[in-house]
Amino acid sequence: MDNENNKQIEDIFEDIKPGATIKKEKYSSENSEKPPIKPSKNSNKGGKDIFVLTARLLIIFSIIIIIGFGGLYLWHKFGNENILTEDEVLIKPADNATSTPSVVVKEPKEKPLDTDTDGLTDTEERQLGTRIDSSDTDQDGLSDRLEVKIYFTNPLNADTDQDGMSDREEVEKGLNPDDPTPGAKLFDLKEEIEKL
């Protein structure tokens, strides 16, 4: 025990003089200590790797977008060629013709002008002599269209059959406004059946 207590701690640095340089030893399997970690020359390499990775991802993403838009363009260009709009008609060539079918756009039909919205066009009203700015030219209470197309009365005369009652009064009572016979019904069922 005495020997153990008397042992002095060995100074490993006693051979080194102040101001002297230290020699580096190469690591060998005989030496039990690991070599010191040397700082790398490219300590900034991690930042460069992230930049390169980001640039590559952006390039790949751009290529995917370009391919997607190109695919959409081609689909619209060639995928929808047999779809016609409402105003188009497909005209196929004759069997012996060599040309491809063509599409003809029909001109939309314009509604005839009806200024007073009475159901007669302005052209019809000019032909009949009625006013295009009044739906009831003779002011009898029946529109010009009803007089011309339904009751076959004169739209220029408020009392077509000259019996003293206006055309509207006769229609409301179920009388024929075009027949001066007293009590002449607007629609006599027996007469209508016989006409058939």
C-alpha atoms as a PDB file:
ATOM      1  CA  MET A   1       0.000   0.000   0.000  1.00  0.00           C
ATOM      2  CA  ASP A   2       2.772   2.278   0.695  1.00  0.00           C
ATOM      3  CA  ASN A   3       3.979   1.908  -2.818  1.00  0.00           C
ATOM      4  CA  GLU A   4       0.611   2.833  -4.212  1.00  0.00           C
ATOM      5  CA  ASN A   5       0.356   6.008  -2.164  1.00  0.00           C
ATOM      6  CA  ASN A   6       3.896   7.048  -2.900  1.00  0.00           C
ATOM      7  CA  LYS A   7       3.496   6.923  -6.608  1.00  0.00           C
ATOM      8  CA  GLN A   8       3.539  10.299  -8.089  1.00  0.00           C
ATOM      9  CA  ILE A   9       1.453  11.312 -10.961  1.00  0.00           C
ATOM     10  CA  GLU A  10       3.461  11.211 -14.117  1.00  0.00           C
ATOM     11  CA  ASP A  11       3.707  14.496 -15.973  1.00  0.00           C
ATOM     12  CA  ILE A  12       3.280  13.848 -19.666  1.00  0.00           C
ATOM     13  CA  PHE A  13       4.235  17.376 -20.634  1.00  0.00           C
ATOM     14  CA  GLU A  14       7.558  17.559 -18.786  1.00  0.00           C
ATOM     15  CA  ASP A  15       9.564  16.999 -21.975  1.00  0.00           C
ATOM     16  CA  ILE A  16       7.972  19.980 -23.705  1.00  0.00           C
ATOM     17  CA  LYS A  17       9.760  23.213 -23.357  1.00  0.00           C
ATOM     18  CA  PRO A  18       7.864  26.461 -23.379  1.00  0.00           C
ATOM     19  CA  GLY A  19       7.605  27.917 -26.910  1.00  0.00           C
ATOM     20  CA  ALA A  20       8.451  24.584 -28.562  1.00  0.00           C
ATOM     21  CA  THR A  21       6.307  23.193 -31.354  1.00  0.00           C
ATOM     22  CA  ILE A  22       4.456  19.945 -30.937  1.00  0.00           C
ATOM     23  CA  LYS A  23       4.896  17.180 -33.470  1.00  0.00           C
ATOM     24  CA  LYS A  24       1.767  15.491 -34.706  1.00  0.00           C
ATOM     25  CA  GLU A  25       1.733  11.738 -34.687  1.00  0.00           C
ATOM     26  CA  LYS A  26      -0.007   9.720 -37.286  1.00  0.00           C
ATOM     27  CA  TYR A  27      -2.708   7.414 -36.089  1.00  0.00           C
ATOM     28  CA  SER A  28      -1.775   3.789 -36.120  1.00  0.00           C
ATOM     29  CA  SER A  29      -3.335   0.673 -34.783  1.00  0.00           C
ATOM     30  CA  GLU A  30      -0.607   0.508 -32.175  1.00  0.00           C
ATOM     31  CA  ASN A  31      -1.581   3.875 -30.834  1.00  0.00           C
ATOM     32  CA  SER A  32      -4.740   3.510 -28.755  1.00  0.00           C
ATOM     33  CA  GLU A  33      -5.796   7.126 -29.103  1.00  0.00           C
ATOM     34  CA  LYS A  34      -8.002   8.325 -32.004  1.00  0.00           C
ATOM     35  CA  PRO A  35      -6.604  10.998 -34.268  1.00  0.00           C
ATOM     36  CA  PRO A  36      -7.875  14.506 -33.796  1.00  0.00           C
ATOM     37  CA  ILE A  37     -10.760  15.592 -36.069  1.00  0.00           C
ATOM     38  CA  LYS A  38      -9.486  17.885 -38.760  1.00  0.00           C
ATOM     39  CA  PRO A  39     -11.707  20.686 -39.993  1.00  0.00           C
ATOM     40  CA  SER A  40     -12.678  20.165 -43.646  1.00  0.00           C
ATOM     41  CA  LYS A  41     -11.413  22.471 -46.328  1.00  0.00           C
ATOM     42  CA  ASN A  42     -14.975  22.934 -47.706  1.00  0.00           C
ATOM     43  CA  SER A  43     -16.798  23.914 -44.535  1.00  0.00           C
ATOM     44  CA  ASN A  44     -19.262  25.874 -46.761  1.00  0.00           C
ATOM     45  CA  LYS A  45     -20.109  22.769 -48.828  1.00  0.00           C
ATOM     46  CA  GLY A  46     -23.406  22.141 -46.951  1.00  0.00           C
ATOM     47  CA  GLY A  47     -24.828  25.470 -48.156  1.00  0.00           C
ATOM     48  CA  LYS A  48     -23.795  24.741 -51.729  1.00  0.00           C
ATOM     49  CA  ASP A  49     -25.492  21.339 -51.572  1.00  0.00           C
ATOM     50  CA  ILE A  50     -28.811  22.902 -50.513  1.00  0.00           C
ATOM     51  CA  PHE A  51     -28.580  25.485 -53.301  1.00  0.00           C
ATOM     52  CA  VAL A  52     -27.914  22.785 -55.932  1.00  0.00           C
ATOM     53  CA  LEU A  53     -30.772  20.640 -54.613  1.00  0.00           C
ATOM     54  CA  THR A  54     -33.181  23.605 -54.664  1.00  0.00           C
ATOM     55  CA  ALA A  55     -32.154  24.532 -58.213  1.00  0.00           C
ATOM     56  CA  ARG A  56     -32.699  20.961 -59.400  1.00  0.00           C
ATOM     57  CA  LEU A  57     -36.137  20.799 -57.798  1.00  0.00           C
ATOM     58  CA  LEU A  58     -37.150  24.087 -59.448  1.00  0.00           C
ATOM     59  CA  ILE A  59     -35.999  22.825 -62.844  1.00  0.00           C
ATOM     60  CA  ILE A  60     -37.942  19.556 -62.421  1.00  0.00           C
ATOM     61  CA  PHE A  61     -41.040  21.457 -61.290  1.00  0.00           C
ATOM     62  CA  SER A  62     -40.791  23.798 -64.321  1.00  0.00           C
ATOM     63  CA  ILE A  63     -40.507  20.840 -66.688  1.00  0.00           C
ATOM     64  CA  ILE A  64     -43.612  19.215 -65.152  1.00  0.00           C
ATOM     65  CA  ILE A  65     -45.598  22.461 -65.601  1.00  0.00           C
ATOM     66  CA  ILE A  66     -44.482  22.827 -69.228  1.00  0.00           C
ATOM     67  CA  ILE A  67     -45.441  19.210 -69.995  1.00  0.00           C
ATOM     68  CA  GLY A  68     -48.832  19.724 -68.305  1.00  0.00           C
ATOM     69  CA  PHE A  69     -49.663  22.845 -70.314  1.00  0.00           C
ATOM     70  CA  GLY A  70     -48.468  21.166 -73.498  1.00  0.00           C
ATOM     71  CA  GLY A  71     -50.745  18.205 -72.801  1.00  0.00           C
ATOM     72  CA  LEU A  72     -53.736  20.494 -72.196  1.00  0.00           C
ATOM     73  CA  TYR A  73     -53.045  22.376 -75.407  1.00  0.00           C
ATOM     74  CA  LEU A  74     -52.872  19.170 -77.424  1.00  0.00           C
ATOM     75  CA  TRP A  75     -56.018  17.786 -75.781  1.00  0.00           C
ATOM     76  CA  HIS A  76     -57.975  20.953 -76.636  1.00  0.00           C
ATOM     77  CA  LYS A  77     -56.487  21.074 -80.127  1.00  0.00           C
ATOM     78  CA  PHE A  78     -57.062  17.461 -81.151  1.00  0.00           C
ATOM     79  CA  GLY A  79     -59.373  15.955 -78.541  1.00  0.00           C
ATOM     80  CA  ASN A  80     -62.410  18.183 -79.157  1.00  0.00           C
ATOM     81  CA  GLU A  81     -62.512  18.416 -82.919  1.00  0.00           C
ATOM     82  CA  ASN A  82     -65.891  16.649 -83.250  1.00  0.00           C
ATOM     83  CA  ILE A  83     -67.721  18.898 -80.790  1.00  0.00           C
ATOM     84  CA  LEU A  84     -69.886  21.533 -82.452  1.00  0.00           C
ATOM     85  CA  THR A  85     -71.427  24.601 -80.903  1.00  0.00           C
ATOM     86  CA  GLU A  86     -75.151  25.254 -81.027  1.00  0.00           C
ATOM     87  CA  ASP A  87     -74.954  27.375 -84.179  1.00  0.00           C
ATOM     88  CA  GLU A  88     -72.650  25.043 -86.158  1.00  0.00           C
ATOM     89  CA  VAL A  89     -73.556  22.338 -88.625  1.00  0.00           C
ATOM     90  CA  LEU A  90     -71.175  19.630 -89.827  1.00  0.00           C
ATOM     91  CA  ILE A  91     -71.291  19.282 -93.598  1.00  0.00           C
ATOM     92  CA  LYS A  92     -69.891  15.976 -94.808  1.00  0.00           C
ATOM     93  CA  PRO A  93     -68.519  15.775 -98.342  1.00  0.00           C
ATOM     94  CA  ALA A  94     -69.931  13.412-100.944  1.00  0.00           C
ATOM     95  CA  ASP A  95     -68.667   9.811-100.912  1.00  0.00           C
ATOM     96  CA  ASN A  96     -66.354  10.351-103.879  1.00  0.00           C
ATOM     97  CA  ALA A  97     -64.916  13.645-102.562  1.00  0.00           C
ATOM     98  CA  THR A  98     -61.477  13.734-101.024  1.00  0.00           C
ATOM     99  CA  SER A  99     -61.876  16.782 -98.787  1.00  0.00           C
ATOM    100  CA  THR A 100     -62.537  16.639 -95.072  1.00  0.00           C
ATOM    101  CA  PRO A 101     -65.866  17.606 -93.516  1.00  0.00           C
ATOM    102  CA  SER A 102     -66.294  21.307 -92.923  1.00  0.00           C
ATOM    103  CA  VAL A 103     -68.181  23.259 -90.312  1.00  0.00           C
ATOM    104  CA  VAL A 104     -70.650  25.942 -91.337  1.00  0.00           C
ATOM    105  CA  VAL A 105     -71.908  28.405 -88.761  1.00  0.00           C
ATOM    106  CA  LYS A 106     -75.605  29.117 -89.176  1.00  0.00           C
ATOM    107  CA  GLU A 107     -76.602  32.711 -88.823  1.00  0.00           C
ATOM    108  CA  PRO A 108     -78.863  33.091 -85.793  1.00  0.00           C
ATOM    109  CA  LYS A 109     -82.402  33.960 -86.782  1.00  0.00           C
ATOM    110  CA  GLU A 110     -83.452  37.361 -85.566  1.00  0.00           C
ATOM    111  CA  LYS A 111     -86.836  37.722 -83.964  1.00  0.00           C
ATOM    112  CA  PRO A 112     -89.085  39.957 -85.988  1.00  0.00           C
ATOM    113  CA  LEU A 113     -89.487  43.387 -84.501  1.00  0.00           C
ATOM    114  CA  ASP A 114     -92.672  43.919 -82.452  1.00  0.00           C
ATOM    115  CA  THR A 115     -92.453  47.462 -81.093  1.00  0.00           C
ATOM    116  CA  ASP A 116     -95.747  47.459 -79.161  1.00  0.00           C
ATOM    117  CA  THR A 117     -95.443  43.795 -78.033  1.00  0.00           C
ATOM    118  CA  ASP A 118     -99.003  42.947 -79.058  1.00  0.00           C
ATOM    119  CA  GLY A 119     -98.055  39.719 -80.850  1.00  0.00           C
ATOM    120  CA  LEU A 120     -98.105  41.157 -84.386  1.00  0.00           C
ATOM    121  CA  THR A 121     -94.775  42.028 -85.963  1.00  0.00           C
ATOM    122  CA  ASP A 122     -94.199  45.562 -87.183  1.00  0.00           C
ATOM    123  CA  THR A 123     -94.274  44.221 -90.757  1.00  0.00           C
ATOM    124  CA  GLU A 124     -97.711  42.606 -90.205  1.00  0.00           C
ATOM    125  CA  GLU A 125     -99.019  45.789 -88.606  1.00  0.00           C
ATOM    126  CA  ARG A 126     -97.854  47.876 -91.574  1.00  0.00           C
ATOM    127  CA  GLN A 127     -99.642  45.463 -93.930  1.00  0.00           C
ATOM    128  CA  LEU A 128    -102.853  45.626 -91.863  1.00  0.00           C
ATOM    129  CA  GLY A 129    -102.651  49.386 -91.366  1.00  0.00           C
ATOM    130  CA  THR A 130    -102.582  49.141 -87.566  1.00  0.00           C
ATOM    131  CA  ARG A 131    -100.316  51.235 -85.356  1.00  0.00           C
ATOM    132  CA  ILE A 132     -96.934  49.716 -84.471  1.00  0.00           C
ATOM    133  CA  ASP A 133     -96.744  51.803 -81.281  1.00  0.00           C
ATOM    134  CA  SER A 134    -100.136  50.756 -79.839  1.00  0.00           C
ATOM    135  CA  SER A 135    -101.201  47.230 -78.955  1.00  0.00           C
ATOM    136  CA  ASP A 136    -104.900  48.116 -79.466  1.00  0.00           C
ATOM    137  CA  THR A 137    -105.275  50.402 -82.475  1.00  0.00           C
ATOM    138  CA  ASP A 138    -109.093  50.771 -82.311  1.00  0.00           C
ATOM    139  CA  GLN A 139    -109.158  51.031 -78.471  1.00  0.00           C
ATOM    140  CA  ASP A 140    -111.949  48.443 -78.097  1.00  0.00           C
ATOM    141  CA  GLY A 141    -110.185  46.465 -75.368  1.00  0.00           C
ATOM    142  CA  LEU A 142    -108.983  43.597 -77.585  1.00  0.00           C
ATOM    143  CA  SER A 143    -105.352  43.633 -78.710  1.00  0.00           C
ATOM    144  CA  ASP A 144    -104.624  43.792 -82.418  1.00  0.00           C
ATOM    145  CA  ARG A 145    -103.288  40.211 -82.336  1.00  0.00           C
ATOM    146  CA  LEU A 146    -106.470  38.852 -80.702  1.00  0.00           C
ATOM    147  CA  GLU A 147    -108.630  40.618 -83.275  1.00  0.00           C
ATOM    148  CA  VAL A 148    -106.583  39.402 -86.259  1.00  0.00           C
ATOM    149  CA  LYS A 149    -105.580  35.871 -85.227  1.00  0.00           C
ATOM    150  CA  ILE A 150    -108.248  34.691 -82.745  1.00  0.00           C
ATOM    151  CA  TYR A 151    -111.599  36.454 -83.268  1.00  0.00           C
ATOM    152  CA  PHE A 152    -111.093  37.495 -86.931  1.00  0.00           C
ATOM    153  CA  THR A 153    -112.418  40.978 -86.327  1.00  0.00           C
ATOM    154  CA  ASN A 154    -111.284  44.300 -87.748  1.00  0.00           C
ATOM    155  CA  PRO A 155    -108.491  45.788 -85.582  1.00  0.00           C
ATOM    156  CA  LEU A 156    -109.242  49.237 -87.045  1.00  0.00           C
ATOM    157  CA  ASN A 157    -112.938  49.249 -85.973  1.00  0.00           C
ATOM    158  CA  ALA A 158    -114.058  48.975 -82.336  1.00  0.00           C
ATOM    159  CA  ASP A 159    -117.432  47.467 -83.435  1.00  0.00           C
ATOM    160  CA  THR A 160    -116.689  45.148 -86.346  1.00  0.00           C
ATOM    161  CA  ASP A 161    -120.288  43.935 -86.908  1.00  0.00           C
ATOM    162  CA  GLN A 162    -121.821  47.407 -86.307  1.00  0.00           C
ATOM    163  CA  ASP A 163    -124.424  46.103 -83.822  1.00  0.00           C
ATOM    164  CA  GLY A 164    -123.785  48.790 -81.205  1.00  0.00           C
ATOM    165  CA  MET A 165    -121.635  46.681 -78.866  1.00  0.00           C
ATOM    166  CA  SER A 166    -117.860  46.867 -78.921  1.00  0.00           C
ATOM    167  CA  ASP A 167    -115.924  43.773 -79.944  1.00  0.00           C
ATOM    168  CA  ARG A 168    -114.665  43.283 -76.373  1.00  0.00           C
ATOM    169  CA  GLU A 169    -118.176  43.462 -74.851  1.00  0.00           C
ATOM    170  CA  GLU A 170    -119.406  40.814 -77.274  1.00  0.00           C
ATOM    171  CA  VAL A 171    -116.445  38.508 -76.513  1.00  0.00           C
ATOM    172  CA  GLU A 172    -117.002  38.902 -72.750  1.00  0.00           C
ATOM    173  CA  LYS A 173    -120.677  37.916 -73.169  1.00  0.00           C
ATOM    174  CA  GLY A 174    -119.781  34.974 -75.407  1.00  0.00           C
ATOM    175  CA  LEU A 175    -121.232  36.597 -78.528  1.00  0.00           C
ATOM    176  CA  ASN A 176    -119.591  36.635 -81.950  1.00  0.00           C
ATOM    177  CA  PRO A 177    -118.150  40.133 -82.556  1.00  0.00           C
ATOM    178  CA  ASP A 178    -118.110  39.509 -86.323  1.00  0.00           C
ATOM    179  CA  ASP A 179    -121.779  38.441 -86.686  1.00  0.00           C
ATOM    180  CA  PRO A 180    -124.486  41.173 -86.504  1.00  0.00           C
ATOM    181  CA  THR A 181    -127.246  38.578 -85.878  1.00  0.00           C
ATOM    182  CA  PRO A 182    -128.664  39.132 -82.403  1.00  0.00           C
ATOM    183  CA  GLY A 183    -127.563  36.380 -79.977  1.00  0.00           C
ATOM    184  CA  ALA A 184    -124.970  34.915 -82.376  1.00  0.00           C
ATOM    185  CA  LYS A 185    -122.667  32.919 -80.147  1.00  0.00           C
ATOM    186  CA  LEU A 186    -118.938  33.275 -80.294  1.00  0.00           C
ATOM    187  CA  PHE A 187    -118.418  29.539 -80.608  1.00  0.00           C
ATOM    188  CA  ASP A 188    -121.490  27.499 -81.374  1.00  0.00           C
ATOM    189  CA  LEU A 189    -120.592  23.919 -80.495  1.00  0.00           C
ATOM    190  CA  LYS A 190    -123.067  22.404 -82.977  1.00  0.00           C
ATOM    191  CA  GLU A 191    -121.753  24.582 -85.808  1.00  0.00           C
ATOM    192  CA  GLU A 192    -118.133  23.747 -84.974  1.00  0.00           C
ATOM    193  CA  ILE A 193    -118.902  20.000 -84.913  1.00  0.00           C
ATOM    194  CA  GLU A 194    -120.697  20.217 -88.269  1.00  0.00           C
ATOM    195  CA  LYS A 195    -117.725  22.050 -89.778  1.00  0.00           C
ATOM    196  CA  LEU A 196    -115.527  19.127 -88.889  1.00  0.00           C
END
